[in-house]
């Protein structure tokens, strides 16, 4: 299981994932403007998914194994995981 550290709520929790952009905007564009809807869908899916905090839904997360994560959490952060 992949964990992430949230810089906003300072929680260490399993990562959640979401597509970038807005689902509501994508549906609106598909319903009223077919070609822009297609381009927006391609852009959203092409960017891939981004990790988010599973507690506060913020996209401001880092990996605990990154240099900054190790500095904030310490070398043995795995001992802190429930």
N, C-alpha and C. Protein backbone atom coordinates (compact mmCIF):
# COMPACT_ATOMS: atom_id res chain seq x y z
N UNK A 1 0.85 -1.17 0.00
CA UNK A 1 0.00 0.00 0.00
C UNK A 1 0.90 1.24 0.00
N UNK A 2 0.57 2.18 -0.85
CA UNK A 2 1.36 3.39 -0.97
C UNK A 2 0.81 4.47 -0.03
N UNK A 3 1.70 5.05 0.74
CA UNK A 3 1.31 6.09 1.68
C UNK A 3 1.78 7.45 1.17
N UNK A 4 1.11 8.48 1.62
CA UNK A 4 1.53 9.84 1.30
C UNK A 4 1.38 10.70 2.56
N UNK A 5 2.22 11.73 2.62
CA UNK A 5 2.19 12.66 3.74
C UNK A 5 1.58 13.96 3.24
N UNK A 6 0.52 14.40 3.88
CA UNK A 6 -0.18 15.62 3.48
C UNK A 6 0.46 16.81 4.17
N UNK A 7 0.82 17.81 3.40
CA UNK A 7 1.42 19.01 3.95
C UNK A 7 0.38 19.97 4.53
N UNK A 8 -0.89 19.77 4.19
CA UNK A 8 -1.94 20.64 4.72
C UNK A 8 -2.44 20.18 6.08
N UNK A 9 -2.87 18.92 6.17
CA UNK A 9 -3.41 18.42 7.45
C UNK A 9 -2.38 17.61 8.23
N UNK A 10 -1.18 17.45 7.68
CA UNK A 10 -0.06 16.76 8.32
C UNK A 10 -0.40 15.33 8.72
N UNK A 11 -1.15 14.64 7.87
CA UNK A 11 -1.48 13.25 8.15
C UNK A 11 -0.67 12.32 7.26
N UNK A 12 -0.39 11.16 7.76
CA UNK A 12 0.27 10.10 7.01
C UNK A 12 -0.77 9.03 6.80
N UNK A 13 -1.23 8.90 5.55
CA UNK A 13 -2.35 8.00 5.27
C UNK A 13 -2.16 7.36 3.89
N UNK A 14 -2.90 6.29 3.62
CA UNK A 14 -2.83 5.69 2.28
C UNK A 14 -3.25 6.71 1.22
N UNK A 15 -2.59 6.67 0.08
CA UNK A 15 -2.89 7.61 -1.00
C UNK A 15 -4.23 7.30 -1.64
N UNK A 16 -4.94 8.35 -1.99
CA UNK A 16 -6.12 8.25 -2.84
C UNK A 16 -5.73 8.88 -4.18
N UNK A 17 -6.48 8.60 -5.22
CA UNK A 17 -6.13 9.09 -6.56
C UNK A 17 -7.33 9.73 -7.22
N UNK A 18 -7.08 10.76 -8.06
CA UNK A 18 -8.15 11.38 -8.85
C UNK A 18 -7.55 11.95 -10.13
N UNK A 19 -8.41 12.10 -11.12
CA UNK A 19 -7.99 12.76 -12.36
C UNK A 19 -7.93 14.26 -12.13
N UNK A 20 -7.00 14.91 -12.80
CA UNK A 20 -6.91 16.37 -12.73
C UNK A 20 -8.11 16.98 -13.44
N UNK A 21 -8.44 18.20 -13.10
CA UNK A 21 -9.54 18.89 -13.75
C UNK A 21 -10.87 18.63 -13.07
N UNK A 22 -11.93 19.02 -13.73
CA UNK A 22 -13.27 18.96 -13.14
C UNK A 22 -14.17 18.01 -13.91
N UNK A 23 -14.79 17.10 -13.20
CA UNK A 23 -15.73 16.16 -13.81
C UNK A 23 -16.99 16.91 -14.29
N UNK A 24 -17.45 17.88 -13.50
CA UNK A 24 -18.65 18.65 -13.88
C UNK A 24 -18.41 19.44 -15.16
N UNK A 25 -17.24 20.05 -15.28
CA UNK A 25 -16.91 20.79 -16.49
C UNK A 25 -16.85 19.85 -17.69
N UNK A 26 -16.30 18.68 -17.50
CA UNK A 26 -16.22 17.71 -18.59
C UNK A 26 -17.61 17.31 -19.08
N UNK A 27 -18.52 17.03 -18.17
CA UNK A 27 -19.89 16.66 -18.54
C UNK A 27 -20.58 17.82 -19.25
N UNK A 28 -20.42 19.04 -18.72
CA UNK A 28 -21.02 20.22 -19.35
C UNK A 28 -20.53 20.38 -20.78
N UNK A 29 -19.21 20.25 -20.98
CA UNK A 29 -18.65 20.41 -22.33
C UNK A 29 -19.15 19.32 -23.27
N UNK A 30 -19.29 18.11 -22.79
CA UNK A 30 -19.80 17.03 -23.63
C UNK A 30 -21.27 17.27 -24.01
N UNK A 31 -22.05 17.79 -23.08
CA UNK A 31 -23.48 17.99 -23.36
C UNK A 31 -23.74 19.14 -24.33
N UNK A 32 -22.95 20.21 -24.23
CA UNK A 32 -23.25 21.40 -25.02
C UNK A 32 -22.23 21.72 -26.11
N UNK A 33 -21.01 21.25 -25.95
CA UNK A 33 -19.96 21.54 -26.93
C UNK A 33 -19.15 20.26 -27.16
N UNK A 34 -19.49 19.52 -28.17
CA UNK A 34 -18.93 18.19 -28.40
C UNK A 34 -17.41 18.21 -28.59
N UNK A 35 -16.90 19.05 -29.48
CA UNK A 35 -15.46 19.07 -29.78
C UNK A 35 -14.64 19.53 -28.57
N UNK A 36 -15.00 20.66 -27.90
CA UNK A 36 -14.23 21.01 -26.68
C UNK A 36 -14.32 19.93 -25.60
N UNK A 37 -15.46 19.25 -25.52
CA UNK A 37 -15.59 18.16 -24.55
C UNK A 37 -14.60 17.04 -24.83
N UNK A 38 -14.43 16.72 -26.10
CA UNK A 38 -13.48 15.69 -26.50
C UNK A 38 -12.06 16.10 -26.13
N UNK A 39 -11.70 17.35 -26.47
CA UNK A 39 -10.35 17.82 -26.14
C UNK A 39 -10.10 17.85 -24.64
N UNK A 40 -11.09 18.27 -23.86
CA UNK A 40 -10.94 18.32 -22.40
C UNK A 40 -10.78 16.92 -21.81
N UNK A 41 -11.55 15.97 -22.33
CA UNK A 41 -11.44 14.59 -21.85
C UNK A 41 -10.06 14.02 -22.16
N UNK A 42 -9.57 14.28 -23.36
CA UNK A 42 -8.23 13.80 -23.74
C UNK A 42 -7.18 14.44 -22.83
N UNK A 43 -7.32 15.74 -22.53
CA UNK A 43 -6.37 16.41 -21.66
C UNK A 43 -6.40 15.82 -20.25
N UNK A 44 -7.61 15.61 -19.71
CA UNK A 44 -7.73 15.07 -18.34
C UNK A 44 -7.12 13.68 -18.25
N UNK A 45 -7.47 12.82 -19.19
CA UNK A 45 -6.99 11.43 -19.13
C UNK A 45 -5.51 11.35 -19.47
N UNK A 46 -5.04 12.23 -20.34
CA UNK A 46 -3.64 12.22 -20.74
C UNK A 46 -2.71 12.65 -19.62
N UNK A 47 -3.18 13.49 -18.72
CA UNK A 47 -2.36 13.94 -17.59
C UNK A 47 -2.19 12.84 -16.55
N UNK A 48 -3.06 11.85 -16.58
CA UNK A 48 -2.97 10.78 -15.59
C UNK A 48 -3.63 11.17 -14.28
N UNK A 49 -3.47 10.32 -13.32
CA UNK A 49 -4.09 10.56 -12.02
C UNK A 49 -3.06 11.16 -11.08
N UNK A 50 -3.54 12.01 -10.17
CA UNK A 50 -2.67 12.63 -9.18
C UNK A 50 -3.00 12.10 -7.80
N UNK A 51 -2.00 11.94 -6.95
CA UNK A 51 -2.29 11.50 -5.58
C UNK A 51 -2.90 12.63 -4.78
N UNK A 52 -3.82 12.28 -3.90
CA UNK A 52 -4.44 13.26 -3.01
C UNK A 52 -4.48 12.66 -1.60
N UNK A 53 -4.66 13.52 -0.63
CA UNK A 53 -4.79 13.08 0.76
C UNK A 53 -6.15 12.40 0.93
N UNK A 54 -6.15 11.23 1.51
CA UNK A 54 -7.42 10.50 1.68
C UNK A 54 -8.26 11.09 2.82
N UNK A 55 -7.68 11.96 3.62
CA UNK A 55 -8.44 12.55 4.73
C UNK A 55 -9.03 13.91 4.36
N UNK A 56 -8.21 14.84 3.82
CA UNK A 56 -8.71 16.19 3.53
C UNK A 56 -8.88 16.47 2.04
N UNK A 57 -8.53 15.50 1.18
CA UNK A 57 -8.67 15.59 -0.28
C UNK A 57 -7.79 16.66 -0.92
N UNK A 58 -6.73 17.08 -0.25
CA UNK A 58 -5.80 18.06 -0.78
C UNK A 58 -4.81 17.37 -1.73
N UNK A 59 -4.40 18.09 -2.77
CA UNK A 59 -3.40 17.56 -3.69
C UNK A 59 -1.98 17.92 -3.25
N UNK A 60 -1.83 18.53 -2.10
CA UNK A 60 -0.54 18.97 -1.57
C UNK A 60 0.08 17.85 -0.73
N UNK A 61 0.47 16.74 -1.40
CA UNK A 61 1.03 15.59 -0.70
C UNK A 61 2.42 15.26 -1.25
N UNK A 62 3.22 14.62 -0.43
CA UNK A 62 4.54 14.15 -0.84
C UNK A 62 4.70 12.70 -0.40
N UNK A 63 5.65 12.03 -1.02
CA UNK A 63 5.96 10.65 -0.64
C UNK A 63 6.81 10.66 0.62
N UNK A 64 6.52 9.78 1.57
CA UNK A 64 7.35 9.72 2.78
C UNK A 64 8.77 9.26 2.48
N UNK A 65 9.00 8.63 1.33
CA UNK A 65 10.33 8.17 0.96
C UNK A 65 11.15 9.24 0.25
N UNK A 66 10.53 10.37 -0.10
CA UNK A 66 11.25 11.46 -0.77
C UNK A 66 12.18 12.13 0.24
N UNK A 67 13.19 12.87 -0.24
CA UNK A 67 14.09 13.56 0.70
C UNK A 67 13.37 14.48 1.68
N UNK A 68 12.36 15.20 1.18
CA UNK A 68 11.60 16.09 2.07
C UNK A 68 10.76 15.28 3.06
N UNK A 69 10.18 14.17 2.59
CA UNK A 69 9.39 13.32 3.47
C UNK A 69 10.23 12.70 4.56
N UNK A 70 11.43 12.26 4.21
CA UNK A 70 12.34 11.69 5.21
C UNK A 70 12.74 12.75 6.22
N UNK A 71 12.94 13.99 5.75
CA UNK A 71 13.32 15.08 6.67
C UNK A 71 12.17 15.38 7.64
N UNK A 72 10.93 15.37 7.15
CA UNK A 72 9.79 15.69 8.00
C UNK A 72 9.40 14.54 8.93
N UNK A 73 9.45 13.32 8.42
CA UNK A 73 8.96 12.17 9.19
C UNK A 73 10.06 11.35 9.84
N UNK A 74 11.27 11.45 9.35
CA UNK A 74 12.36 10.64 9.87
C UNK A 74 12.52 9.36 9.07
N UNK A 75 13.60 8.68 9.31
CA UNK A 75 13.93 7.46 8.55
C UNK A 75 12.94 6.33 8.80
N UNK A 76 12.46 6.18 10.02
CA UNK A 76 11.60 5.05 10.37
C UNK A 76 10.13 5.47 10.45
N UNK A 77 9.61 6.09 9.40
CA UNK A 77 8.21 6.52 9.38
C UNK A 77 7.27 5.32 9.33
N UNK A 78 7.76 4.18 8.85
CA UNK A 78 6.89 3.00 8.75
C UNK A 78 6.44 2.49 10.12
N UNK A 79 7.21 2.83 11.16
CA UNK A 79 6.80 2.45 12.53
C UNK A 79 5.60 3.25 13.00
N UNK A 80 5.34 4.41 12.38
CA UNK A 80 4.23 5.28 12.79
C UNK A 80 2.91 4.92 12.10
N UNK A 81 2.99 4.03 11.09
CA UNK A 81 1.78 3.66 10.34
C UNK A 81 0.97 2.66 11.16
N UNK A 82 -0.33 2.91 11.32
CA UNK A 82 -1.16 1.99 12.12
C UNK A 82 -1.30 0.64 11.48
